[in-house]
């Protein structure tokens, strides 16, 4: 359940960030609203980056064999 929540939080943060970028790119926000949106975008970016870093660490832990990291190319067709 925690994994689903983390994935949903990441997906929601990413969606929110995309919406903010679209609003900022539209040029219809005032300077003050643009700054507020930018600040929120920075927070969302940091949240997404933290989630991606945590996921990368989990993948590295899963790939570790006998105390050494075993590198393997990503193959979406290969069964887990």
PDB file of N, CA and C in Angstrom:
ATOM      1  N   UNK A   1       0.821  -1.193   0.000  1.00  0.00           N
ATOM      2  CA  UNK A   1       0.000   0.000   0.000  1.00  0.00           C
ATOM      3  C   UNK A   1       0.864   1.257   0.000  1.00  0.00           C
ATOM      4  N   UNK A   2       1.974   1.240   0.735  1.00  0.00           N
ATOM      5  CA  UNK A   2       2.857   2.398   0.785  1.00  0.00           C
ATOM      6  C   UNK A   2       3.450   2.692  -0.590  1.00  0.00           C
ATOM      7  N   UNK A   3       3.773   1.620  -1.347  1.00  0.00           N
ATOM      8  CA  UNK A   3       4.340   1.817  -2.682  1.00  0.00           C
ATOM      9  C   UNK A   3       3.335   2.487  -3.598  1.00  0.00           C
ATOM     10  N   UNK A   4       2.081   2.058  -3.533  1.00  0.00           N
ATOM     11  CA  UNK A   4       1.052   2.663  -4.377  1.00  0.00           C
ATOM     12  C   UNK A   4       0.873   4.129  -4.024  1.00  0.00           C
ATOM     13  N   UNK A   5       0.879   4.439  -2.711  1.00  0.00           N
ATOM     14  CA  UNK A   5       0.719   5.820  -2.271  1.00  0.00           C
ATOM     15  C   UNK A   5       1.880   6.670  -2.774  1.00  0.00           C
ATOM     16  N   UNK A   6       3.107   6.156  -2.666  1.00  0.00           N
ATOM     17  CA  UNK A   6       4.279   6.898  -3.138  1.00  0.00           C
ATOM     18  C   UNK A   6       4.194   7.121  -4.645  1.00  0.00           C
ATOM     19  N   UNK A   7       3.780   6.092  -5.375  1.00  0.00           N
ATOM     20  CA  UNK A   7       3.649   6.217  -6.827  1.00  0.00           C
ATOM     21  C   UNK A   7       2.571   7.229  -7.179  1.00  0.00           C
ATOM     22  N   UNK A   8       1.462   7.190  -6.461  1.00  0.00           N
ATOM     23  CA  UNK A   8       0.386   8.148  -6.716  1.00  0.00           C
ATOM     24  C   UNK A   8       0.827   9.561  -6.367  1.00  0.00           C
ATOM     25  N   UNK A   9       1.562   9.715  -5.266  1.00  0.00           N
ATOM     26  CA  UNK A   9       2.066  11.036  -4.900  1.00  0.00           C
ATOM     27  C   UNK A   9       3.000  11.570  -5.976  1.00  0.00           C
ATOM     28  N   UNK A  10       3.875  10.713  -6.483  1.00  0.00           N
ATOM     29  CA  UNK A  10       4.802  11.129  -7.544  1.00  0.00           C
ATOM     30  C   UNK A  10       4.015  11.520  -8.792  1.00  0.00           C
ATOM     31  N   UNK A  11       3.084  10.671  -9.186  1.00  0.00           N
ATOM     32  CA  UNK A  11       2.295  10.949 -10.389  1.00  0.00           C
ATOM     33  C   UNK A  11       1.499  12.247 -10.237  1.00  0.00           C
ATOM     34  N   UNK A  12       0.925  12.459  -9.058  1.00  0.00           N
ATOM     35  CA  UNK A  12       0.154  13.679  -8.827  1.00  0.00           C
ATOM     36  C   UNK A  12       1.061  14.902  -8.850  1.00  0.00           C
ATOM     37  N   UNK A  13       2.227  14.794  -8.221  1.00  0.00           N
ATOM     38  CA  UNK A  13       3.179  15.909  -8.219  1.00  0.00           C
ATOM     39  C   UNK A  13       3.624  16.232  -9.641  1.00  0.00           C
ATOM     40  N   UNK A  14       3.883  15.214 -10.425  1.00  0.00           N
ATOM     41  CA  UNK A  14       4.310  15.422 -11.810  1.00  0.00           C
ATOM     42  C   UNK A  14       3.203  16.076 -12.630  1.00  0.00           C
ATOM     43  N   UNK A  15       1.975  15.622 -12.441  1.00  0.00           N
ATOM     44  CA  UNK A  15       0.834  16.224 -13.142  1.00  0.00           C
ATOM     45  C   UNK A  15       0.659  17.688 -12.732  1.00  0.00           C
ATOM     46  N   UNK A  16       0.760  17.950 -11.428  1.00  0.00           N
ATOM     47  CA  UNK A  16       0.645  19.326 -10.932  1.00  0.00           C
ATOM     48  C   UNK A  16       1.746  20.206 -11.517  1.00  0.00           C
ATOM     49  N   UNK A  17       2.952  19.663 -11.601  1.00  0.00           N
ATOM     50  CA  UNK A  17       4.077  20.410 -12.154  1.00  0.00           C
ATOM     51  C   UNK A  17       3.833  20.724 -13.633  1.00  0.00           C
ATOM     52  N   UNK A  18       3.345  19.752 -14.378  1.00  0.00           N
ATOM     53  CA  UNK A  18       3.054  19.986 -15.801  1.00  0.00           C
ATOM     54  C   UNK A  18       1.987  21.067 -15.970  1.00  0.00           C
ATOM     55  N   UNK A  19       0.973  21.038 -15.116  1.00  0.00           N
ATOM     56  CA  UNK A  19      -0.079  22.055 -15.180  1.00  0.00           C
ATOM     57  C   UNK A  19       0.479  23.444 -14.861  1.00  0.00           C
ATOM     58  N   UNK A  20       1.375  23.513 -13.865  1.00  0.00           N
ATOM     59  CA  UNK A  20       1.989  24.793 -13.516  1.00  0.00           C
ATOM     60  C   UNK A  20       2.814  25.347 -14.679  1.00  0.00           C
ATOM     61  N   UNK A  21       3.574  24.482 -15.315  1.00  0.00           N
ATOM     62  CA  UNK A  21       4.396  24.909 -16.447  1.00  0.00           C
ATOM     63  C   UNK A  21       3.504  25.447 -17.558  1.00  0.00           C
ATOM     64  N   UNK A  22       2.416  24.772 -17.830  1.00  0.00           N
ATOM     65  CA  UNK A  22       1.493  25.249 -18.872  1.00  0.00           C
ATOM     66  C   UNK A  22       0.927  26.626 -18.514  1.00  0.00           C
ATOM     67  N   UNK A  23       0.569  26.809 -17.245  1.00  0.00           N
ATOM     68  CA  UNK A  23       0.035  28.106 -16.809  1.00  0.00           C
ATOM     69  C   UNK A  23       1.093  29.195 -16.943  1.00  0.00           C
ATOM     70  N   UNK A  24       2.329  28.867 -16.544  1.00  0.00           N
ATOM     71  CA  UNK A  24       3.402  29.854 -16.644  1.00  0.00           C
ATOM     72  C   UNK A  24       3.711  30.190 -18.098  1.00  0.00           C
ATOM     73  N   UNK A  25       3.710  29.175 -18.950  1.00  0.00           N
ATOM     74  CA  UNK A  25       4.009  29.393 -20.371  1.00  0.00           C
ATOM     75  C   UNK A  25       2.910  30.163 -21.086  1.00  0.00           C
ATOM     76  N   UNK A  26       1.696  30.115 -20.557  1.00  0.00           N
ATOM     77  CA  UNK A  26       0.586  30.818 -21.205  1.00  0.00           C
ATOM     78  C   UNK A  26       0.782  32.328 -21.174  1.00  0.00           C
ATOM     79  N   UNK A  27       1.525  32.816 -20.174  1.00  0.00           N
ATOM     80  CA  UNK A  27       1.770  34.251 -20.068  1.00  0.00           C
ATOM     81  C   UNK A  27       0.593  35.038 -19.537  1.00  0.00           C
ATOM     82  N   UNK A  28      -0.422  34.348 -19.034  1.00  0.00           N
ATOM     83  CA  UNK A  28      -1.629  35.035 -18.568  1.00  0.00           C
ATOM     84  C   UNK A  28      -1.595  35.342 -17.069  1.00  0.00           C
ATOM     85  N   UNK A  29      -0.566  34.888 -16.360  1.00  0.00           N
ATOM     86  CA  UNK A  29      -0.475  35.136 -14.922  1.00  0.00           C
ATOM     87  C   UNK A  29       0.201  36.475 -14.654  1.00  0.00           C
ATOM     88  N   UNK A  30      -0.213  37.100 -13.567  1.00  0.00           N
ATOM     89  CA  UNK A  30       0.474  38.326 -13.157  1.00  0.00           C
ATOM     90  C   UNK A  30       1.867  37.952 -12.645  1.00  0.00           C
ATOM     91  N   UNK A  31       2.694  38.946 -12.451  1.00  0.00           N
ATOM     92  CA  UNK A  31       4.049  38.697 -11.962  1.00  0.00           C
ATOM     93  C   UNK A  31       3.999  38.001 -10.606  1.00  0.00           C
ATOM     94  N   UNK A  32       3.135  38.486  -9.728  1.00  0.00           N
ATOM     95  CA  UNK A  32       3.040  37.889  -8.382  1.00  0.00           C
ATOM     96  C   UNK A  32       2.543  36.447  -8.452  1.00  0.00           C
ATOM     97  N   UNK A  33       1.540  36.190  -9.278  1.00  0.00           N
ATOM     98  CA  UNK A  33       1.026  34.830  -9.444  1.00  0.00           C
ATOM     99  C   UNK A  33       2.079  33.928 -10.088  1.00  0.00           C
ATOM    100  N   UNK A  34       2.844  34.487 -11.010  1.00  0.00           N
ATOM    101  CA  UNK A  34       3.910  33.717 -11.649  1.00  0.00           C
ATOM    102  C   UNK A  34       4.974  33.314 -10.634  1.00  0.00           C
ATOM    103  N   UNK A  35       5.339  34.228  -9.757  1.00  0.00           N
ATOM    104  CA  UNK A  35       6.329  33.913  -8.726  1.00  0.00           C
ATOM    105  C   UNK A  35       5.812  32.850  -7.764  1.00  0.00           C
ATOM    106  N   UNK A  36       4.555  32.949  -7.394  1.00  0.00           N
ATOM    107  CA  UNK A  36       3.953  31.949  -6.516  1.00  0.00           C
ATOM    108  C   UNK A  36       3.940  30.583  -7.192  1.00  0.00           C
ATOM    109  N   UNK A  37       3.556  30.563  -8.463  1.00  0.00           N
ATOM    110  CA  UNK A  37       3.529  29.305  -9.216  1.00  0.00           C
ATOM    111  C   UNK A  37       4.940  28.746  -9.360  1.00  0.00           C
ATOM    112  N   UNK A  38       5.911  29.619  -9.592  1.00  0.00           N
ATOM    113  CA  UNK A  38       7.297  29.182  -9.723  1.00  0.00           C
ATOM    114  C   UNK A  38       7.788  28.547  -8.428  1.00  0.00           C
ATOM    115  N   UNK A  39       7.484  29.175  -7.300  1.00  0.00           N
ATOM    116  CA  UNK A  39       7.871  28.617  -5.995  1.00  0.00           C
ATOM    117  C   UNK A  39       7.246  27.239  -5.792  1.00  0.00           C
ATOM    118  N   UNK A  40       5.982  27.119  -6.128  1.00  0.00           N
ATOM    119  CA  UNK A  40       5.302  25.829  -5.996  1.00  0.00           C
ATOM    120  C   UNK A  40       5.937  24.806  -6.934  1.00  0.00           C
ATOM    121  N   UNK A  41       6.303  25.240  -8.121  1.00  0.00           N
ATOM    122  CA  UNK A  41       6.962  24.352  -9.083  1.00  0.00           C
ATOM    123  C   UNK A  41       8.304  23.852  -8.566  1.00  0.00           C
ATOM    124  N   UNK A  42       9.050  24.717  -7.907  1.00  0.00           N
ATOM    125  CA  UNK A  42      10.332  24.310  -7.329  1.00  0.00           C
ATOM    126  C   UNK A  42      10.105  23.243  -6.261  1.00  0.00           C
ATOM    127  N   UNK A  43       9.105  23.429  -5.413  1.00  0.00           N
ATOM    128  CA  UNK A  43       8.787  22.429  -4.375  1.00  0.00           C
ATOM    129  C   UNK A  43       8.401  21.094  -5.006  1.00  0.00           C
ATOM    130  N   UNK A  44       7.554  21.153  -6.035  1.00  0.00           N
ATOM    131  CA  UNK A  44       7.127  19.930  -6.706  1.00  0.00           C
ATOM    132  C   UNK A  44       8.304  19.234  -7.393  1.00  0.00           C
ATOM    133  N   UNK A  45       9.189  20.017  -7.998  1.00  0.00           N
ATOM    134  CA  UNK A  45      10.372  19.448  -8.640  1.00  0.00           C
ATOM    135  C   UNK A  45      11.239  18.731  -7.625  1.00  0.00           C
ATOM    136  N   UNK A  46      11.439  19.349  -6.472  1.00  0.00           N
ATOM    137  CA  UNK A  46      12.248  18.722  -5.422  1.00  0.00           C
ATOM    138  C   UNK A  46      11.581  17.448  -4.907  1.00  0.00           C
ATOM    139  N   UNK A  47      10.261  17.475  -4.755  1.00  0.00           N
ATOM    140  CA  UNK A  47       9.539  16.275  -4.316  1.00  0.00           C
ATOM    141  C   UNK A  47       9.699  15.145  -5.327  1.00  0.00           C
ATOM    142  N   UNK A  48       9.556  15.465  -6.606  1.00  0.00           N
ATOM    143  CA  UNK A  48       9.696  14.456  -7.663  1.00  0.00           C
ATOM    144  C   UNK A  48      11.123  13.913  -7.697  1.00  0.00           C
ATOM    145  N   UNK A  49      12.099  14.803  -7.576  1.00  0.00           N
ATOM    146  CA  UNK A  49      13.493  14.367  -7.600  1.00  0.00           C
ATOM    147  C   UNK A  49      13.794  13.458  -6.416  1.00  0.00           C
ATOM    148  N   UNK A  50      13.260  13.786  -5.251  1.00  0.00           N
ATOM    149  CA  UNK A  50      13.470  12.946  -4.067  1.00  0.00           C
ATOM    150  C   UNK A  50      12.843  11.568  -4.271  1.00  0.00           C
ATOM    151  N   UNK A  51      11.662  11.525  -4.862  1.00  0.00           N
ATOM    152  CA  UNK A  51      10.993  10.243  -5.119  1.00  0.00           C
ATOM    153  C   UNK A  51      11.796   9.414  -6.119  1.00  0.00           C
ATOM    154  N   UNK A  52      12.331  10.061  -7.140  1.00  0.00           N
ATOM    155  CA  UNK A  52      13.137   9.341  -8.129  1.00  0.00           C
ATOM    156  C   UNK A  52      14.441   8.829  -7.520  1.00  0.00           C
ATOM    157  N   UNK A  53      15.057   9.620  -6.672  1.00  0.00           N
ATOM    158  CA  UNK A  53      16.287   9.195  -5.995  1.00  0.00           C
ATOM    159  C   UNK A  53      16.006   8.001  -5.100  1.00  0.00           C
ATOM    160  N   UNK A  54      14.903   8.044  -4.373  1.00  0.00           N
ATOM    161  CA  UNK A  54      14.526   6.925  -3.498  1.00  0.00           C
ATOM    162  C   UNK A  54      14.259   5.668  -4.322  1.00  0.00           C
ATOM    163  N   UNK A  55      13.593   5.812  -5.442  1.00  0.00           N
ATOM    164  CA  UNK A  55      13.322   4.658  -6.305  1.00  0.00           C
ATOM    165  C   UNK A  55      14.628   4.080  -6.849  1.00  0.00           C
ATOM    166  N   UNK A  56      15.554   4.953  -7.234  1.00  0.00           N
ATOM    167  CA  UNK A  56      16.850   4.489  -7.738  1.00  0.00           C
ATOM    168  C   UNK A  56      17.608   3.711  -6.666  1.00  0.00           C
ATOM    169  N   UNK A  57      17.556   4.193  -5.435  1.00  0.00           N
ATOM    170  CA  UNK A  57      18.227   3.494  -4.337  1.00  0.00           C
ATOM    171  C   UNK A  57      17.608   2.121  -4.099  1.00  0.00           C
ATOM    172  N   UNK A  58      16.300   2.034  -4.204  1.00  0.00           N
ATOM    173  CA  UNK A  58      15.633   0.740  -4.034  1.00  0.00           C
ATOM    174  C   UNK A  58      16.047  -0.232  -5.137  1.00  0.00           C
ATOM    175  N   UNK A  59      16.133   0.269  -6.365  1.00  0.00           N
ATOM    176  CA  UNK A  59      16.543  -0.577  -7.486  1.00  0.00           C
ATOM    177  C   UNK A  59      17.966  -1.075  -7.257  1.00  0.00           C
ATOM    178  N   UNK A  60      18.851  -0.197  -6.819  1.00  0.00           N
ATOM    179  CA  UNK A  60      20.227  -0.603  -6.554  1.00  0.00           C
ATOM    180  C   UNK A  60      20.288  -1.671  -5.466  1.00  0.00           C
ATOM    181  N   UNK A  61      19.469  -1.526  -4.433  1.00  0.00           N
ATOM    182  CA  UNK A  61      19.440  -2.527  -3.360  1.00  0.00           C
ATOM    183  C   UNK A  61      18.957  -3.870  -3.901  1.00  0.00           C
ATOM    184  N   UNK A  62      17.967  -3.835  -4.785  1.00  0.00           N
ATOM    185  CA  UNK A  62      17.429  -5.063  -5.339  1.00  0.00           C
ATOM    186  C   UNK A  62      18.425  -5.751  -6.272  1.00  0.00           C
ATOM    187  N   UNK A  63      19.265  -4.971  -6.933  1.00  0.00           N
ATOM    188  CA  UNK A  63      20.239  -5.536  -7.852  1.00  0.00           C
ATOM    189  C   UNK A  63      21.523  -5.986  -7.160  1.00  0.00           C
ATOM    190  N   UNK A  64      21.678  -5.633  -5.886  1.00  0.00           N
ATOM    191  CA  UNK A  64      22.898  -5.975  -5.172  1.00  0.00           C
ATOM    192  C   UNK A  64      22.949  -7.485  -4.909  1.00  0.00           C
ATOM    193  N   UNK A  65      24.074  -8.077  -5.235  1.00  0.00           N
ATOM    194  CA  UNK A  65      24.268  -9.517  -5.047  1.00  0.00           C
ATOM    195  C   UNK A  65      25.589  -9.727  -4.319  1.00  0.00           C
ATOM    196  N   UNK A  66      25.561 -10.429  -3.216  1.00  0.00           N
ATOM    197  CA  UNK A  66      26.762 -10.745  -2.441  1.00  0.00           C
ATOM    198  C   UNK A  66      27.584  -9.503  -2.120  1.00  0.00           C
ATOM    199  N   UNK A  67      26.931  -8.431  -1.775  1.00  0.00           N
ATOM    200  CA  UNK A  67      27.623  -7.222  -1.375  1.00  0.00           C
ATOM    201  C   UNK A  67      28.150  -6.386  -2.520  1.00  0.00           C
ATOM    202  N   UNK A  68      27.965  -6.828  -3.748  1.00  0.00           N
ATOM    203  CA  UNK A  68      28.427  -6.067  -4.904  1.00  0.00           C
ATOM    204  C   UNK A  68      27.244  -5.737  -5.799  1.00  0.00           C
ATOM    205  N   UNK A  69      27.313  -4.564  -6.360  1.00  0.00           N
ATOM    206  CA  UNK A  69      26.243  -4.129  -7.252  1.00  0.00           C
ATOM    207  C   UNK A  69      26.395  -4.815  -8.599  1.00  0.00           C
ATOM    208  N   UNK A  70      25.359  -5.476  -9.002  1.00  0.00           N
ATOM    209  CA  UNK A  70      25.355  -6.172 -10.292  1.00  0.00           C
ATOM    210  C   UNK A  70      24.594  -5.309 -11.281  1.00  0.00           C
ATOM    211  N   UNK A  71      25.284  -4.775 -12.257  1.00  0.00           N
ATOM    212  CA  UNK A  71      24.628  -3.924 -13.236  1.00  0.00           C
ATOM    213  C   UNK A  71      23.971  -4.778 -14.305  1.00  0.00           C
ATOM    214  N   UNK A  72      22.784  -4.388 -14.670  1.00  0.00           N
ATOM    215  CA  UNK A  72      22.053  -5.107 -15.705  1.00  0.00           C
ATOM    216  C   UNK A  72      21.336  -4.076 -16.564  1.00  0.00           C
ATOM    217  N   UNK A  73      21.385  -4.218 -17.870  1.00  0.00           N
ATOM    218  CA  UNK A  73      20.672  -3.271 -18.731  1.00  0.00           C
ATOM    219  C   UNK A  73      19.163  -3.438 -18.545  1.00  0.00           C
ATOM    220  N   UNK A  74      18.456  -2.346 -18.704  1.00  0.00           N
ATOM    221  CA  UNK A  74      17.009  -2.390 -18.582  1.00  0.00           C
ATOM    222  C   UNK A  74      16.414  -3.037 -19.817  1.00  0.00           C
ATOM    223  N   UNK A  75      15.593  -4.044 -19.588  1.00  0.00           N
ATOM    224  CA  UNK A  75      14.902  -4.726 -20.684  1.00  0.00           C
ATOM    225  C   UNK A  75      13.454  -4.877 -20.276  1.00  0.00           C
ATOM    226  N   UNK A  76      12.563  -4.049 -20.825  1.00  0.00           N
ATOM    227  CA  UNK A  76      11.158  -4.094 -20.413  1.00  0.00           C
ATOM    228  C   UNK A  76      10.477  -5.399 -20.778  1.00  0.00           C
ATOM    229  N   UNK A  77      11.046  -6.171 -21.686  1.00  0.00           N
ATOM    230  CA  UNK A  77      10.462  -7.445 -22.097  1.00  0.00           C
ATOM    231  C   UNK A  77      10.857  -8.586 -21.172  1.00  0.00           C
ATOM    232  N   UNK A  78      11.927  -8.410 -20.413  1.00  0.00           N
ATOM    233  CA  UNK A  78      12.419  -9.474 -19.537  1.00  0.00           C
ATOM    234  C   UNK A  78      11.533  -9.581 -18.294  1.00  0.00           C
ATOM    235  N   UNK A  79      11.087 -10.793 -17.953  1.00  0.00           N
ATOM    236  CA  UNK A  79      10.256 -10.942 -16.753  1.00  0.00           C
ATOM    237  C   UNK A  79      11.084 -10.674 -15.500  1.00  0.00           C
ATOM    238  N   UNK A  80      10.424 -10.158 -14.469  1.00  0.00           N
ATOM    239  CA  UNK A  80      11.093  -9.809 -13.223  1.00  0.00           C
ATOM    240  C   UNK A  80      11.512 -11.017 -12.426  1.00  0.00           C
TER     241      UNK A  80
END
